[in-house]
Amino acid sequence: MTISDALHRLLLDNLTTATLLLDSALRLEYMNPAAEMLLAVSGQRSHGQFISELFTESTEALNSLRQAVEQAHPFTKREAQLTSLNGQSLTVDYAVTPILNQGQTLLLLEVHPRDRLLRITKEEAQLSKQETTKMLVRGLAHEIKNPLGGIRGAAQLLARQLPGDDLRDYTNVIIEEADRLRNLVDRMLGSNKLPSLAMTNIHEVLERVCSLVDAESQGLITLVRDYDPSLPDVLIDREQMIQAVLNIVRNAMQAIGAQNELRLGRITLRSRAMRQFTIGHTRHRLVARVEIIDNGPGIPAELQDTLFYPMVSGRPDGTGLGLAITQNIISQHQGLIECDSHPGHTTFSIFLPLEQGATVS
């Protein structure tokens, strides 16, 4: 290899744009580290593999690549949907440039992931809504709790002046209902206690949730564990994280029970590691992804945009506080929660940073 070749290789290896070089048969000649990271494959091990062995798109896309080789015609595709070998869905823009080299046409693919940008936009909107909701709830709570304290105090004073116990039953009702409303407002506000962080195996949290749900359902519902045993410990408040995950799993169990018999229900708890993942404006080298997947009826489309708001519930008897509390807990851990739902399949994904050092995007 000449100095010029070595320099060109060095430049390609240090590009942040995922770059692949295919031969005329659409087999891999080279991919840079950015492409390895994006597709979660090894360039050295994948050398010589057909492009469909690296990721899949569509038959039309494959035909477009073949035409690019035959006609030496470059093209660009926007927001293409790729599926990597590990089953991860990727939204990307890519440019294909034919290159003539020693009588054969090579294809240079420059792949720009769009998921990160789309996710940042979605997260910013979600965080903005969350902050607005918090301000609204706190203002409302203040306006409710002050008169409640006065009502409760007046009822206690009145109870002391009443001659008989039968009349005190009415003041007791006032006091109990005032306490119930105050507790409801406190739950809406969430805990003000800061997380007590410690390095914890996330699977301990998931196993604890499984044991609680198994007891509540009397073993009727099917719980599937799909863990990545190589996942390192994560810095979390164990009890708060149990509460966060339990709220989601209980919701899934109740949704399944309302639609079908519990014995037909299936809830999967899955853990995986993800590299170079952005939460807010911070890019993390490594994050833990916890997925709670159920085969219930799904979340109505009209509720999905407001799912994490307090008092929003798909059940007639629901308070709509469980997911709001869960989101608050995840946010306190500098994490992210997302939901994807359609009839017969709902996935809640929790992302938690696995390292202390991160870069701001």
Protein backbone atom coordinates (compact mmCIF):
# COMPACT_ATOMS: atom_id res chain seq x y z
CA MET A 1 0.00 0.00 0.00
CA THR A 2 1.43 3.40 -1.01
CA ILE A 3 1.48 6.49 1.20
CA SER A 4 -1.37 7.91 -0.91
CA ASP A 5 -3.45 4.73 -0.43
CA ALA A 6 -2.76 4.74 3.30
CA LEU A 7 -3.83 8.39 3.56
CA HIS A 8 -7.04 7.73 1.61
CA ARG A 9 -7.80 4.77 3.89
CA LEU A 10 -7.09 6.91 6.96
CA LEU A 11 -9.47 9.61 5.73
CA LEU A 12 -12.26 7.11 5.03
CA ASP A 13 -11.77 5.41 8.39
CA ASN A 14 -12.18 8.73 10.21
CA LEU A 15 -15.27 9.94 8.36
CA THR A 16 -18.39 10.23 10.51
CA THR A 17 -20.47 9.40 7.40
CA ALA A 18 -21.13 5.68 6.98
CA THR A 19 -19.37 4.69 3.76
CA LEU A 20 -19.50 1.36 1.90
CA LEU A 21 -17.81 0.24 -1.31
CA LEU A 22 -19.47 -2.53 -3.35
CA ASP A 23 -18.11 -4.38 -6.36
CA SER A 24 -20.09 -4.85 -9.57
CA ALA A 25 -21.80 -7.94 -8.09
CA LEU A 26 -22.95 -5.83 -5.10
CA ARG A 27 -20.56 -7.55 -2.74
CA LEU A 28 -18.80 -5.64 0.02
CA GLU A 29 -15.27 -4.46 -0.72
CA TYR A 30 -14.93 -2.02 2.18
CA MET A 31 -16.86 -0.30 4.95
CA ASN A 32 -15.56 2.33 7.33
CA PRO A 33 -16.01 2.23 11.15
CA ALA A 34 -19.00 4.60 10.93
CA ALA A 35 -20.78 2.07 8.70
CA GLU A 36 -19.81 -0.79 11.03
CA MET A 37 -21.34 1.13 13.93
CA LEU A 38 -24.51 1.99 12.02
CA LEU A 39 -25.16 -1.54 10.74
CA ALA A 40 -23.72 -3.30 13.83
CA VAL A 41 -21.50 -5.58 11.73
CA SER A 42 -17.77 -6.14 11.32
CA GLY A 43 -16.30 -4.88 8.05
CA GLN A 44 -13.54 -7.49 8.12
CA ARG A 45 -15.93 -10.40 8.67
CA SER A 46 -18.45 -9.02 6.17
CA HIS A 47 -15.93 -8.61 3.34
CA GLY A 48 -17.24 -10.27 0.18
CA GLN A 49 -20.79 -10.59 1.46
CA PHE A 50 -23.75 -9.65 -0.75
CA ILE A 51 -25.38 -6.38 0.28
CA SER A 52 -28.59 -8.14 1.40
CA GLU A 53 -26.49 -10.01 3.95
CA LEU A 54 -25.58 -6.67 5.56
CA PHE A 55 -29.03 -5.06 5.56
CA THR A 56 -32.33 -5.42 3.72
CA GLU A 57 -34.48 -2.81 2.07
CA SER A 58 -36.70 -3.69 -0.91
CA THR A 59 -36.46 -5.52 -4.24
CA GLU A 60 -36.87 -2.19 -6.04
CA ALA A 61 -33.88 -0.75 -4.16
CA LEU A 62 -31.76 -3.75 -5.12
CA ASN A 63 -32.74 -3.31 -8.78
CA SER A 64 -31.79 0.37 -8.55
CA LEU A 65 -28.30 -0.60 -7.38
CA ARG A 66 -27.93 -3.07 -10.25
CA GLN A 67 -29.01 -0.37 -12.73
CA ALA A 68 -26.48 2.01 -11.21
CA VAL A 69 -23.76 -0.54 -11.97
CA GLU A 70 -24.99 -1.23 -15.51
CA GLN A 71 -25.65 2.38 -16.50
CA ALA A 72 -23.03 4.09 -14.30
CA HIS A 73 -25.81 6.38 -13.14
CA PRO A 74 -25.63 7.93 -9.61
CA PHE A 75 -28.77 8.42 -7.54
CA THR A 76 -29.91 9.53 -4.09
CA LYS A 77 -32.68 8.13 -1.92
CA ARG A 78 -34.34 9.94 0.98
CA GLU A 79 -35.71 8.40 4.19
CA ALA A 80 -35.17 4.82 3.09
CA GLN A 81 -36.20 2.12 5.55
CA LEU A 82 -33.41 -0.39 6.17
CA THR A 83 -33.46 -3.42 8.45
CA SER A 84 -30.11 -4.43 9.94
CA LEU A 85 -29.00 -7.98 10.69
CA ASN A 86 -30.03 -7.63 14.35
CA GLY A 87 -33.56 -6.65 13.28
CA GLN A 88 -33.19 -2.94 14.03
CA SER A 89 -35.12 -0.62 11.73
CA LEU A 90 -33.10 2.31 10.36
CA THR A 91 -34.31 5.42 8.55
CA VAL A 92 -31.52 6.75 6.32
CA ASP A 93 -30.70 8.97 3.38
CA TYR A 94 -28.12 7.46 1.04
CA ALA A 95 -26.25 8.48 -2.09
CA VAL A 96 -24.94 5.95 -4.62
CA THR A 97 -22.00 6.94 -6.83
CA PRO A 98 -20.64 4.56 -9.51
CA ILE A 99 -16.83 4.57 -9.77
CA LEU A 100 -14.93 3.05 -12.73
CA ASN A 101 -11.85 1.18 -11.51
CA GLN A 102 -9.69 -1.03 -13.76
CA GLY A 103 -12.54 -1.83 -16.11
CA GLN A 104 -15.08 -2.65 -13.40
CA THR A 105 -17.79 -0.45 -11.93
CA LEU A 106 -17.75 -0.08 -8.15
CA LEU A 107 -20.51 1.53 -6.13
CA LEU A 108 -19.76 4.02 -3.37
CA LEU A 109 -22.61 4.25 -0.82
CA GLU A 110 -22.74 7.19 1.57
CA VAL A 111 -25.34 6.54 4.23
CA HIS A 112 -26.70 9.28 6.50
CA PRO A 113 -28.87 8.05 9.39
CA ARG A 114 -32.06 10.05 9.85
CA ASP A 115 -33.32 8.26 12.95
CA ARG A 116 -31.14 10.36 15.22
CA LEU A 117 -32.37 13.67 13.81
CA LEU A 118 -36.00 12.53 13.76
CA ARG A 119 -35.66 11.24 17.33
CA ILE A 120 -34.10 14.49 18.55
CA THR A 121 -36.98 16.48 17.05
CA LYS A 122 -39.53 14.11 18.59
CA GLU A 123 -37.78 14.17 21.98
CA GLU A 124 -37.58 17.95 22.04
CA ALA A 125 -41.32 18.17 21.39
CA GLN A 126 -41.98 15.51 24.03
CA LEU A 127 -39.76 17.21 26.64
CA SER A 128 -41.35 20.58 25.89
CA LYS A 129 -44.82 19.08 26.39
CA GLN A 130 -43.63 17.39 29.58
CA GLU A 131 -42.32 20.67 31.05
CA THR A 132 -45.53 22.48 30.08
CA THR A 133 -47.59 19.73 31.71
CA LYS A 134 -45.47 19.86 34.87
CA MET A 135 -45.98 23.61 35.18
CA LEU A 136 -49.72 23.23 34.62
CA VAL A 137 -50.04 20.39 37.14
CA ARG A 138 -47.97 22.20 39.78
CA GLY A 139 -50.04 25.35 39.39
CA LEU A 140 -53.26 23.36 39.57
CA ALA A 141 -52.01 21.39 42.58
CA HIS A 142 -51.20 24.60 44.43
CA GLU A 143 -54.69 25.97 43.77
CA ILE A 144 -56.31 22.71 44.90
CA LYS A 145 -54.22 21.93 48.00
CA ASN A 146 -54.63 25.32 49.65
CA PRO A 147 -58.46 25.25 49.84
CA LEU A 148 -58.36 21.52 50.67
CA GLY A 149 -56.30 22.29 53.76
CA GLY A 150 -58.86 24.93 54.78
CA ILE A 151 -61.79 22.57 54.18
CA ARG A 152 -60.14 19.79 56.20
CA GLY A 153 -59.26 22.11 59.07
CA ALA A 154 -62.77 23.56 59.17
CA ALA A 155 -64.27 20.07 59.19
CA GLN A 156 -62.06 19.08 62.14
CA LEU A 157 -63.06 22.18 64.09
CA LEU A 158 -66.73 21.57 63.27
CA ALA A 159 -66.47 17.95 64.43
CA ARG A 160 -65.39 19.12 67.90
CA GLN A 161 -68.48 21.29 68.22
CA LEU A 162 -71.00 18.66 67.16
CA PRO A 163 -73.02 17.04 69.96
CA GLY A 164 -73.35 13.48 68.58
CA ASP A 165 -71.27 10.85 66.78
CA ASP A 166 -73.93 10.47 64.07
CA LEU A 167 -73.29 14.04 62.89
CA ARG A 168 -69.54 13.53 63.05
CA ASP A 169 -69.92 10.88 60.33
CA TYR A 170 -70.54 13.73 57.89
CA THR A 171 -67.44 15.64 58.93
CA ASN A 172 -65.42 12.43 58.69
CA VAL A 173 -66.59 12.08 55.08
CA ILE A 174 -65.37 15.63 54.35
CA ILE A 175 -61.99 14.91 55.98
CA GLU A 176 -61.53 11.57 54.19
CA GLU A 177 -62.45 13.00 50.80
CA ALA A 178 -60.12 15.97 51.34
CA ASP A 179 -57.31 13.51 52.17
CA ARG A 180 -58.13 11.44 49.10
CA LEU A 181 -57.94 14.50 46.84
CA ARG A 182 -54.68 15.60 48.44
CA ASN A 183 -53.15 12.15 47.85
CA LEU A 184 -54.33 12.26 44.24
CA VAL A 185 -52.68 15.65 43.74
CA ASP A 186 -49.46 14.38 45.37
CA ARG A 187 -49.42 11.44 42.97
CA MET A 188 -49.91 13.81 40.03
CA LEU A 189 -46.91 15.84 41.18
CA GLY A 190 -44.77 12.74 41.59
CA SER A 191 -42.04 12.19 44.14
CA ASN A 192 -39.75 15.11 44.96
CA LYS A 193 -37.21 12.68 46.34
CA LEU A 194 -34.00 12.51 44.32
CA PRO A 195 -33.05 9.05 43.06
CA SER A 196 -30.75 7.03 45.32
CA LEU A 197 -28.38 5.88 42.59
CA ALA A 198 -26.32 2.70 42.72
CA MET A 199 -24.82 0.38 40.13
CA THR A 200 -27.54 -2.23 39.55
CA ASN A 201 -28.09 -5.16 37.23
CA ILE A 202 -31.17 -4.15 35.22
CA HIS A 203 -32.22 -7.82 35.08
CA GLU A 204 -32.72 -7.78 38.87
CA VAL A 205 -35.30 -5.04 38.30
CA LEU A 206 -37.01 -7.00 35.51
CA GLU A 207 -37.06 -10.21 37.54
CA ARG A 208 -38.61 -8.41 40.51
CA VAL A 209 -41.33 -7.00 38.23
CA CYS A 210 -41.94 -10.47 36.77
CA SER A 211 -42.38 -12.01 40.22
CA LEU A 212 -44.87 -9.28 41.25
CA VAL A 213 -46.90 -9.57 38.04
CA ASP A 214 -46.84 -13.37 38.16
CA ALA A 215 -48.30 -13.22 41.68
CA GLU A 216 -50.94 -10.63 40.71
CA SER A 217 -52.06 -12.63 37.67
CA GLN A 218 -51.90 -15.90 39.62
CA GLY A 219 -49.56 -17.28 36.96
CA LEU A 220 -52.15 -16.99 34.19
CA ILE A 221 -50.29 -14.54 31.95
CA THR A 222 -47.23 -15.67 29.96
CA LEU A 223 -44.08 -13.74 30.83
CA VAL A 224 -41.17 -14.09 28.39
CA ARG A 225 -37.61 -13.13 29.37
CA ASP A 226 -35.33 -12.12 26.51
CA TYR A 227 -32.24 -10.76 28.25
CA ASP A 228 -28.78 -9.84 27.04
CA PRO A 229 -26.58 -11.37 29.77
CA SER A 230 -23.59 -9.28 28.68
CA LEU A 231 -25.35 -6.02 29.58
CA PRO A 232 -23.28 -4.11 32.17
CA ASP A 233 -24.73 -2.68 35.37
CA VAL A 234 -26.52 0.65 35.10
CA LEU A 235 -26.57 3.57 37.56
CA ILE A 236 -30.19 3.70 38.79
CA ASP A 237 -32.45 3.88 41.81
CA ARG A 238 -33.52 0.25 42.00
CA GLU A 239 -36.87 0.84 43.75
CA GLN A 240 -37.88 3.71 41.49
CA MET A 241 -36.97 1.74 38.38
CA ILE A 242 -39.02 -1.25 39.60
CA GLN A 243 -41.97 1.14 39.99
CA ALA A 244 -41.43 2.59 36.50
CA VAL A 245 -41.31 -0.80 34.76
CA LEU A 246 -44.11 -2.23 36.92
CA ASN A 247 -46.46 0.59 35.89
CA ILE A 248 -45.97 -0.33 32.23
CA VAL A 249 -46.32 -4.09 32.76
CA ARG A 250 -49.44 -3.64 34.90
CA ASN A 251 -50.99 -1.47 32.21
CA ALA A 252 -50.25 -4.19 29.66
CA MET A 253 -51.74 -6.88 31.91
CA GLN A 254 -54.90 -4.83 32.52
CA ALA A 255 -55.29 -4.08 28.80
CA ILE A 256 -54.95 -7.78 27.97
CA GLY A 257 -57.38 -8.75 30.74
CA ALA A 258 -59.97 -6.25 29.49
CA GLN A 259 -59.76 -7.61 25.93
CA ASN A 260 -59.03 -11.32 26.37
CA GLU A 261 -58.49 -13.90 29.03
CA LEU A 262 -55.17 -13.43 30.82
CA ARG A 263 -54.04 -16.92 29.80
CA LEU A 264 -54.00 -15.72 26.18
CA GLY A 265 -51.80 -12.78 27.11
CA ARG A 266 -48.08 -12.60 26.48
CA ILE A 267 -45.69 -9.96 27.86
CA THR A 268 -42.05 -9.96 26.80
CA LEU A 269 -39.32 -8.18 28.74
CA ARG A 270 -36.25 -7.67 26.55
CA SER A 271 -32.88 -6.05 27.25
CA ARG A 272 -30.25 -5.00 24.74
CA ALA A 273 -27.26 -2.67 24.49
CA MET A 274 -27.22 0.09 21.87
CA ARG A 275 -24.20 2.06 20.69
CA GLN A 276 -23.97 5.75 19.80
CA PHE A 277 -27.49 6.61 20.88
CA THR A 278 -28.72 10.18 21.34
CA ILE A 279 -30.96 11.19 24.26
CA GLY A 280 -31.97 14.83 24.02
CA HIS A 281 -28.84 16.69 22.91
CA THR A 282 -26.45 14.16 24.46
CA ARG A 283 -24.89 11.38 22.43
CA HIS A 284 -24.08 8.34 24.54
CA ARG A 285 -21.50 5.79 23.56
CA LEU A 286 -23.55 3.00 25.11
CA VAL A 287 -27.13 2.77 26.43
CA ALA A 288 -29.31 0.00 27.82
CA ARG A 289 -32.60 -0.53 26.00
CA VAL A 290 -35.38 -2.25 27.94
CA GLU A 291 -38.48 -3.20 25.95
CA ILE A 292 -41.85 -4.25 27.37
CA ILE A 293 -43.86 -5.88 24.57
CA ASP A 294 -47.42 -7.16 24.86
CA ASN A 295 -49.98 -8.74 22.54
CA GLY A 296 -52.90 -6.71 23.90
CA PRO A 297 -55.42 -4.63 21.95
CA GLY A 298 -53.02 -1.71 21.47
CA ILE A 299 -53.32 1.93 22.46
CA PRO A 300 -55.97 4.00 20.63
CA ALA A 301 -54.40 6.31 18.07
CA GLU A 302 -56.06 9.37 19.61
CA LEU A 303 -54.27 8.71 22.94
CA GLN A 304 -50.76 8.02 21.65
CA ASP A 305 -49.63 11.65 21.44
CA THR A 306 -50.82 12.42 24.98
CA LEU A 307 -50.02 9.05 26.51
CA PHE A 308 -47.62 10.36 29.17
CA TYR A 309 -49.84 13.24 30.30
CA PRO A 310 -51.37 12.98 33.78
CA MET A 311 -55.06 12.01 33.89
CA VAL A 312 -54.95 10.49 30.38
CA SER A 313 -56.14 6.87 30.42
CA GLY A 314 -57.66 4.39 28.02
CA ARG A 315 -59.55 2.63 30.82
CA PRO A 316 -62.81 3.92 32.32
CA ASP A 317 -61.50 3.28 35.84
CA GLY A 318 -57.92 4.43 35.15
CA THR A 319 -56.33 7.47 36.83
CA GLY A 320 -53.87 8.12 34.02
CA LEU A 321 -51.00 8.62 36.48
CA GLY A 322 -48.96 5.44 36.00
CA LEU A 323 -47.23 6.41 32.75
CA ALA A 324 -46.78 10.03 33.86
CA ILE A 325 -44.96 8.77 36.97
CA THR A 326 -42.92 6.36 34.86
CA GLN A 327 -41.81 9.12 32.49
CA ASN A 328 -40.84 11.32 35.46
CA ILE A 329 -38.70 8.53 36.91
CA ILE A 330 -36.98 7.83 33.58
CA SER A 331 -36.32 11.55 33.07
CA GLN A 332 -34.70 11.77 36.52
CA HIS A 333 -32.32 9.03 35.34
CA GLN A 334 -31.41 11.08 32.23
CA GLY A 335 -33.18 8.44 30.16
CA LEU A 336 -35.91 8.28 27.55
CA ILE A 337 -39.14 6.35 27.13
CA GLU A 338 -40.91 5.77 23.81
CA CYS A 339 -44.01 3.87 22.74
CA ASP A 340 -45.01 2.18 19.51
CA SER A 341 -48.44 0.59 19.37
CA HIS A 342 -50.88 -0.98 16.97
CA PRO A 343 -53.61 -3.60 17.53
CA GLY A 344 -52.08 -6.82 18.82
CA HIS A 345 -48.65 -5.34 19.52
CA THR A 346 -47.48 -2.59 21.89
CA THR A 347 -43.84 -1.85 22.71
CA PHE A 348 -42.61 0.51 25.41
CA SER A 349 -38.87 1.18 25.09
CA ILE A 350 -36.79 2.58 27.96
CA PHE A 351 -33.31 3.90 27.18
CA LEU A 352 -30.82 4.40 30.04
CA PRO A 353 -27.21 5.66 29.70
CA LEU A 354 -24.59 3.04 30.53
CA GLU A 355 -21.63 5.38 30.76
CA GLN A 356 -20.89 8.61 32.61
CA GLY A 357 -19.06 10.39 29.82
CA ALA A 358 -21.16 11.60 26.88
CA THR A 359 -20.89 14.12 24.11
CA VAL A 360 -23.29 16.96 23.41
CA SER A 361 -24.72 16.89 19.89
